[in-house]
Amino acid sequence: MWNARLDAKLLKLKRDGLSFAEIGERMGITRNAALGRFQRLNGVVFPSQLERRQSREAAARLKKETRLRKESEIVRKMKAAIAAGTDRTKAMSQAYAAGASFRAIGEVFGVSRERAYQIATAAPDKRSRKS
């Protein structure tokens, strides 16, 4: 819809001191369309939007880094438990309880994410318990 002629008309009307509502009426568009186009033409970026985007990105980055750091520590402990002779199912369950992802558990044991889920969340077999 927007072209160079309409952009020039919008800018001229704004220079003439008209409000965006008046510009919208004269051009046959809504006030918000006139306002939005004017801001895009002038490269307006609201600082609050920019700051909000940057803070969201920083929070997401921090969350991911924290999760990866925690997960690598859990994987290290899981490998140590396996080396010490801990049962595979128990080691997987402990890693899951500690917060490791099924992807990370599966990578350590060489199984798929789905299989790691099945093993780590399986209820202990009642027949194997000593009464």
N, C-alpha and C. Protein backbone atom coordinates (compact mmCIF):
# COMPACT_ATOMS: atom_id res chain seq x y z
N MET A 1 0.81 -1.18 0.00
CA MET A 1 0.00 0.00 0.00
C MET A 1 0.86 1.26 0.00
N TRP A 2 1.88 1.28 0.82
CA TRP A 2 2.72 2.47 0.92
C TRP A 2 3.68 2.54 -0.26
N ASN A 3 3.81 3.76 -0.79
CA ASN A 3 4.79 4.00 -1.85
C ASN A 3 5.43 5.36 -1.60
N ALA A 4 6.35 5.75 -2.44
CA ALA A 4 7.09 7.00 -2.23
C ALA A 4 6.17 8.22 -2.23
N ARG A 5 5.15 8.19 -3.09
CA ARG A 5 4.23 9.33 -3.17
C ARG A 5 3.44 9.48 -1.88
N LEU A 6 2.93 8.36 -1.34
CA LEU A 6 2.17 8.41 -0.09
C LEU A 6 3.06 8.78 1.09
N ASP A 7 4.29 8.28 1.08
CA ASP A 7 5.23 8.63 2.15
C ASP A 7 5.49 10.14 2.15
N ALA A 8 5.70 10.70 0.96
CA ALA A 8 5.95 12.14 0.85
C ALA A 8 4.75 12.94 1.32
N LYS A 9 3.55 12.49 0.96
CA LYS A 9 2.32 13.17 1.39
C LYS A 9 2.18 13.12 2.90
N LEU A 10 2.46 11.96 3.50
CA LEU A 10 2.38 11.81 4.95
C LEU A 10 3.35 12.76 5.64
N LEU A 11 4.58 12.80 5.17
CA LEU A 11 5.58 13.67 5.78
C LEU A 11 5.22 15.14 5.61
N LYS A 12 4.68 15.51 4.46
CA LYS A 12 4.28 16.91 4.22
C LYS A 12 3.16 17.32 5.16
N LEU A 13 2.15 16.45 5.30
CA LEU A 13 1.03 16.76 6.18
C LEU A 13 1.50 16.89 7.63
N LYS A 14 2.43 16.05 8.03
CA LYS A 14 2.94 16.12 9.40
C LYS A 14 3.74 17.40 9.60
N ARG A 15 4.54 17.79 8.57
CA ARG A 15 5.29 19.05 8.66
C ARG A 15 4.35 20.24 8.75
N ASP A 16 3.18 20.12 8.11
CA ASP A 16 2.19 21.20 8.14
C ASP A 16 1.51 21.31 9.50
N GLY A 17 1.80 20.36 10.41
CA GLY A 17 1.29 20.45 11.77
C GLY A 17 0.00 19.70 12.03
N LEU A 18 -0.42 18.86 11.11
CA LEU A 18 -1.65 18.11 11.33
C LEU A 18 -1.41 16.96 12.31
N SER A 19 -2.46 16.60 13.03
CA SER A 19 -2.36 15.46 13.93
C SER A 19 -2.45 14.18 13.10
N PHE A 20 -2.11 13.07 13.72
CA PHE A 20 -2.17 11.80 12.99
C PHE A 20 -3.62 11.42 12.68
N ALA A 21 -4.55 11.83 13.52
CA ALA A 21 -5.96 11.57 13.24
C ALA A 21 -6.40 12.34 11.99
N GLU A 22 -5.97 13.61 11.89
CA GLU A 22 -6.31 14.42 10.72
C GLU A 22 -5.62 13.88 9.46
N ILE A 23 -4.38 13.47 9.61
CA ILE A 23 -3.65 12.90 8.47
C ILE A 23 -4.36 11.64 7.99
N GLY A 24 -4.77 10.81 8.93
CA GLY A 24 -5.49 9.59 8.59
C GLY A 24 -6.77 9.88 7.83
N GLU A 25 -7.52 10.88 8.29
CA GLU A 25 -8.77 11.25 7.60
C GLU A 25 -8.49 11.70 6.17
N ARG A 26 -7.51 12.56 6.00
CA ARG A 26 -7.20 13.09 4.67
C ARG A 26 -6.68 12.02 3.72
N MET A 27 -5.94 11.05 4.26
CA MET A 27 -5.35 10.02 3.40
C MET A 27 -6.23 8.78 3.29
N GLY A 28 -7.29 8.73 4.07
CA GLY A 28 -8.19 7.57 4.02
C GLY A 28 -7.63 6.34 4.71
N ILE A 29 -6.83 6.56 5.75
CA ILE A 29 -6.26 5.46 6.53
C ILE A 29 -6.54 5.71 8.00
N THR A 30 -6.20 4.76 8.83
CA THR A 30 -6.42 4.95 10.27
C THR A 30 -5.31 5.81 10.87
N ARG A 31 -5.61 6.36 12.02
CA ARG A 31 -4.64 7.15 12.76
C ARG A 31 -3.40 6.31 13.07
N ASN A 32 -3.63 5.07 13.51
CA ASN A 32 -2.51 4.21 13.87
C ASN A 32 -1.64 3.85 12.67
N ALA A 33 -2.26 3.70 11.50
CA ALA A 33 -1.48 3.41 10.29
C ALA A 33 -0.58 4.59 9.96
N ALA A 34 -1.12 5.80 10.07
CA ALA A 34 -0.33 7.00 9.79
C ALA A 34 0.81 7.14 10.81
N LEU A 35 0.49 6.92 12.07
CA LEU A 35 1.49 7.03 13.13
C LEU A 35 2.59 5.98 12.95
N GLY A 36 2.19 4.74 12.71
CA GLY A 36 3.17 3.67 12.54
C GLY A 36 4.09 3.90 11.36
N ARG A 37 3.51 4.33 10.25
CA ARG A 37 4.33 4.57 9.05
C ARG A 37 5.29 5.73 9.29
N PHE A 38 4.82 6.78 9.95
CA PHE A 38 5.67 7.93 10.25
C PHE A 38 6.85 7.51 11.12
N GLN A 39 6.58 6.69 12.11
CA GLN A 39 7.66 6.24 13.00
C GLN A 39 8.65 5.36 12.26
N ARG A 40 8.16 4.50 11.38
CA ARG A 40 9.07 3.64 10.61
C ARG A 40 9.93 4.48 9.66
N LEU A 41 9.33 5.50 9.05
CA LEU A 41 10.09 6.35 8.14
C LEU A 41 11.19 7.12 8.87
N ASN A 42 10.92 7.48 10.11
CA ASN A 42 11.89 8.25 10.89
C ASN A 42 12.81 7.36 11.72
N GLY A 43 12.64 6.04 11.62
CA GLY A 43 13.52 5.12 12.34
C GLY A 43 13.33 5.16 13.84
N VAL A 44 12.12 5.44 14.29
CA VAL A 44 11.86 5.52 15.73
C VAL A 44 11.81 4.12 16.32
N VAL A 45 12.63 3.91 17.34
CA VAL A 45 12.57 2.69 18.12
C VAL A 45 12.41 3.14 19.56
N PHE A 46 11.35 2.72 20.18
CA PHE A 46 11.11 3.14 21.54
C PHE A 46 12.13 2.48 22.46
N PRO A 47 12.82 3.27 23.28
CA PRO A 47 13.84 2.71 24.16
C PRO A 47 13.30 1.59 25.05
N SER A 48 12.07 1.74 25.48
CA SER A 48 11.51 0.71 26.36
C SER A 48 11.43 -0.64 25.64
N GLN A 49 11.08 -0.62 24.36
CA GLN A 49 11.01 -1.86 23.59
C GLN A 49 12.40 -2.47 23.41
N LEU A 50 13.36 -1.63 23.12
CA LEU A 50 14.73 -2.10 22.92
C LEU A 50 15.30 -2.67 24.22
N GLU A 51 15.09 -1.94 25.32
CA GLU A 51 15.58 -2.41 26.61
C GLU A 51 14.90 -3.72 27.01
N ARG A 52 13.60 -3.79 26.77
CA ARG A 52 12.85 -5.00 27.13
C ARG A 52 13.37 -6.20 26.33
N ARG A 53 13.62 -6.00 25.03
CA ARG A 53 14.13 -7.08 24.20
C ARG A 53 15.51 -7.51 24.68
N GLN A 54 16.38 -6.54 24.97
CA GLN A 54 17.73 -6.87 25.42
C GLN A 54 17.70 -7.58 26.77
N SER A 55 16.83 -7.14 27.68
CA SER A 55 16.77 -7.80 28.99
C SER A 55 16.21 -9.21 28.86
N ARG A 56 15.25 -9.42 27.97
CA ARG A 56 14.72 -10.77 27.74
C ARG A 56 15.81 -11.68 27.19
N GLU A 57 16.57 -11.17 26.23
CA GLU A 57 17.65 -11.96 25.63
C GLU A 57 18.72 -12.28 26.67
N ALA A 58 19.06 -11.30 27.51
CA ALA A 58 20.07 -11.53 28.55
C ALA A 58 19.57 -12.55 29.56
N ALA A 59 18.30 -12.47 29.94
CA ALA A 59 17.74 -13.43 30.89
C ALA A 59 17.72 -14.83 30.30
N ALA A 60 17.35 -14.94 29.04
CA ALA A 60 17.32 -16.25 28.38
C ALA A 60 18.72 -16.83 28.27
N ARG A 61 19.69 -15.97 27.94
CA ARG A 61 21.08 -16.43 27.83
C ARG A 61 21.60 -16.91 29.19
N LEU A 62 21.30 -16.16 30.26
CA LEU A 62 21.72 -16.54 31.60
C LEU A 62 21.08 -17.85 32.03
N LYS A 63 19.79 -17.99 31.73
CA LYS A 63 19.08 -19.22 32.08
C LYS A 63 19.69 -20.43 31.37
N LYS A 64 20.01 -20.26 30.09
CA LYS A 64 20.59 -21.36 29.32
C LYS A 64 21.98 -21.71 29.84
N GLU A 65 22.80 -20.69 30.11
CA GLU A 65 24.15 -20.94 30.62
C GLU A 65 24.10 -21.63 31.97
N THR A 66 23.19 -21.21 32.84
CA THR A 66 23.04 -21.82 34.16
C THR A 66 22.61 -23.27 34.03
N ARG A 67 21.65 -23.52 33.15
CA ARG A 67 21.16 -24.89 32.95
C ARG A 67 22.27 -25.79 32.42
N LEU A 68 23.04 -25.29 31.44
CA LEU A 68 24.12 -26.09 30.87
C LEU A 68 25.22 -26.36 31.90
N ARG A 69 25.53 -25.35 32.72
CA ARG A 69 26.55 -25.53 33.75
C ARG A 69 26.09 -26.58 34.77
N LYS A 70 24.84 -26.46 35.20
CA LYS A 70 24.28 -27.41 36.17
C LYS A 70 24.25 -28.82 35.57
N GLU A 71 23.83 -28.91 34.32
CA GLU A 71 23.73 -30.20 33.66
C GLU A 71 25.09 -30.86 33.50
N SER A 72 26.11 -30.08 33.18
CA SER A 72 27.45 -30.66 33.03
C SER A 72 27.97 -31.18 34.37
N GLU A 73 27.64 -30.50 35.45
CA GLU A 73 28.03 -30.97 36.79
C GLU A 73 27.31 -32.27 37.12
N ILE A 74 26.03 -32.35 36.80
CA ILE A 74 25.26 -33.57 37.06
C ILE A 74 25.81 -34.73 36.24
N VAL A 75 26.14 -34.48 34.98
CA VAL A 75 26.69 -35.53 34.12
C VAL A 75 28.03 -36.01 34.67
N ARG A 76 28.85 -35.08 35.15
CA ARG A 76 30.14 -35.45 35.74
C ARG A 76 29.92 -36.37 36.94
N LYS A 77 28.97 -36.02 37.81
CA LYS A 77 28.67 -36.86 38.98
C LYS A 77 28.10 -38.21 38.56
N MET A 78 27.28 -38.21 37.51
CA MET A 78 26.69 -39.46 37.03
C MET A 78 27.79 -40.39 36.51
N LYS A 79 28.75 -39.85 35.78
CA LYS A 79 29.86 -40.67 35.28
C LYS A 79 30.69 -41.22 36.44
N ALA A 80 30.89 -40.40 37.47
CA ALA A 80 31.64 -40.86 38.64
C ALA A 80 30.89 -41.98 39.35
N ALA A 81 29.57 -41.86 39.45
CA ALA A 81 28.77 -42.90 40.10
C ALA A 81 28.83 -44.21 39.31
N ILE A 82 28.81 -44.11 38.00
CA ILE A 82 28.89 -45.30 37.15
C ILE A 82 30.26 -45.96 37.33
N ALA A 83 31.31 -45.13 37.37
CA ALA A 83 32.66 -45.67 37.55
C ALA A 83 32.81 -46.34 38.91
N ALA A 84 32.06 -45.85 39.90
CA ALA A 84 32.12 -46.43 41.25
C ALA A 84 31.30 -47.70 41.36
N GLY A 85 30.57 -48.04 40.31
CA GLY A 85 29.82 -49.30 40.30
C GLY A 85 28.34 -49.16 40.59
N THR A 86 27.81 -47.95 40.58
CA THR A 86 26.38 -47.75 40.80
C THR A 86 25.59 -48.37 39.66
N ASP A 87 24.46 -48.95 39.99
CA ASP A 87 23.57 -49.55 38.99
C ASP A 87 23.17 -48.49 37.97
N ARG A 88 23.10 -48.89 36.72
CA ARG A 88 22.78 -47.98 35.62
C ARG A 88 21.43 -47.30 35.83
N THR A 89 20.41 -48.07 36.19
CA THR A 89 19.07 -47.51 36.39
C THR A 89 19.08 -46.50 37.52
N LYS A 90 19.75 -46.84 38.60
CA LYS A 90 19.83 -45.95 39.76
C LYS A 90 20.57 -44.66 39.39
N ALA A 91 21.67 -44.79 38.65
CA ALA A 91 22.44 -43.61 38.24
C ALA A 91 21.60 -42.70 37.35
N MET A 92 20.83 -43.30 36.45
CA MET A 92 19.97 -42.51 35.57
C MET A 92 18.87 -41.81 36.36
N SER A 93 18.28 -42.52 37.31
CA SER A 93 17.22 -41.94 38.14
C SER A 93 17.76 -40.79 38.98
N GLN A 94 18.95 -40.97 39.54
CA GLN A 94 19.55 -39.91 40.35
C GLN A 94 19.87 -38.68 39.50
N ALA A 95 20.36 -38.91 38.30
CA ALA A 95 20.67 -37.79 37.41
C ALA A 95 19.40 -37.04 37.04
N TYR A 96 18.33 -37.78 36.78
CA TYR A 96 17.04 -37.16 36.45
C TYR A 96 16.54 -36.36 37.64
N ALA A 97 16.62 -36.94 38.84
CA ALA A 97 16.15 -36.25 40.05
C ALA A 97 16.97 -34.99 40.31
N ALA A 98 18.24 -35.01 39.94
CA ALA A 98 19.11 -33.86 40.15
C ALA A 98 18.86 -32.76 39.12
N GLY A 99 18.15 -33.08 38.03
CA GLY A 99 17.81 -32.05 37.05
C GLY A 99 18.44 -32.20 35.68
N ALA A 100 19.09 -33.31 35.41
CA ALA A 100 19.69 -33.51 34.09
C ALA A 100 18.59 -33.76 33.06
N SER A 101 18.82 -33.31 31.85
CA SER A 101 17.85 -33.56 30.79
C SER A 101 17.99 -34.99 30.31
N PHE A 102 16.91 -35.51 29.75
CA PHE A 102 16.95 -36.87 29.23
C PHE A 102 17.92 -36.98 28.05
N ARG A 103 18.11 -35.89 27.34
CA ARG A 103 19.07 -35.87 26.24
C ARG A 103 20.47 -36.11 26.78
N ALA A 104 20.83 -35.39 27.86
CA ALA A 104 22.17 -35.54 28.44
C ALA A 104 22.36 -36.93 29.03
N ILE A 105 21.34 -37.44 29.70
CA ILE A 105 21.42 -38.78 30.28
C ILE A 105 21.60 -39.81 29.17
N GLY A 106 20.82 -39.66 28.11
CA GLY A 106 20.91 -40.59 26.99
C GLY A 106 22.27 -40.57 26.33
N GLU A 107 22.88 -39.38 26.20
CA GLU A 107 24.20 -39.28 25.59
C GLU A 107 25.25 -40.03 26.40
N VAL A 108 25.17 -39.93 27.73
CA VAL A 108 26.15 -40.61 28.58
C VAL A 108 26.02 -42.12 28.45
N PHE A 109 24.78 -42.60 28.41
CA PHE A 109 24.55 -44.04 28.38
C PHE A 109 24.44 -44.61 26.97
N GLY A 110 24.47 -43.76 25.98
CA GLY A 110 24.39 -44.23 24.60
C GLY A 110 23.01 -44.75 24.22
N VAL A 111 21.97 -44.12 24.79
CA VAL A 111 20.60 -44.49 24.45
C VAL A 111 19.87 -43.24 23.98
N SER A 112 18.69 -43.45 23.43
CA SER A 112 17.91 -42.31 22.96
C SER A 112 17.33 -41.54 24.14
N ARG A 113 16.89 -40.34 23.86
CA ARG A 113 16.25 -39.51 24.88
C ARG A 113 15.02 -40.20 25.44
N GLU A 114 14.25 -40.84 24.55
CA GLU A 114 13.03 -41.53 24.97
C GLU A 114 13.35 -42.71 25.89
N ARG A 115 14.41 -43.47 25.53
CA ARG A 115 14.79 -44.63 26.36
C ARG A 115 15.32 -44.16 27.71
N ALA A 116 16.05 -43.07 27.73
CA ALA A 116 16.55 -42.52 28.99
C ALA A 116 15.36 -42.13 29.88
N TYR A 117 14.32 -41.56 29.28
CA TYR A 117 13.11 -41.22 30.03
C TYR A 117 12.48 -42.47 30.62
N GLN A 118 12.35 -43.51 29.81
CA GLN A 118 11.71 -44.74 30.28
C GLN A 118 12.48 -45.35 31.44
N ILE A 119 13.78 -45.39 31.35
CA ILE A 119 14.59 -46.01 32.40
C ILE A 119 14.60 -45.14 33.66
N ALA A 120 14.82 -43.84 33.50
CA ALA A 120 14.96 -42.95 34.66
C ALA A 120 13.67 -42.79 35.43
N THR A 121 12.53 -42.88 34.76
CA THR A 121 11.25 -42.66 35.45
C THR A 121 10.52 -43.94 35.79
N ALA A 122 11.11 -45.09 35.47
CA ALA A 122 10.45 -46.37 35.74
C ALA A 122 10.36 -46.59 37.24
N ALA A 123 9.20 -47.11 37.67
CA ALA A 123 9.03 -47.44 39.09
C ALA A 123 9.90 -48.66 39.39
N PRO A 124 10.50 -48.70 40.57
CA PRO A 124 11.31 -49.87 40.90
C PRO A 124 10.46 -51.13 40.94
N ASP A 125 11.04 -52.22 40.51
CA ASP A 125 10.34 -53.50 40.45
C ASP A 125 10.16 -54.02 41.88
N LYS A 126 8.92 -54.28 42.26
CA LYS A 126 8.63 -54.72 43.62
C LYS A 126 9.20 -56.10 43.90
N ARG A 127 9.34 -56.92 42.88
CA ARG A 127 9.84 -58.28 43.08
C ARG A 127 11.32 -58.28 43.45
N SER A 128 12.04 -57.26 43.08
CA SER A 128 13.48 -57.27 43.34
C SER A 128 13.82 -56.78 44.75
N ARG A 129 12.84 -56.20 45.45
CA ARG A 129 13.09 -55.73 46.81
C ARG A 129 13.10 -56.89 47.79
N LYS A 130 13.95 -56.77 48.79
CA LYS A 130 13.99 -57.79 49.84
C LYS A 130 13.02 -57.38 50.93
N SER A 131 12.15 -58.29 51.33
CA SER A 131 11.14 -57.96 52.35
C SER A 131 11.58 -58.41 53.71
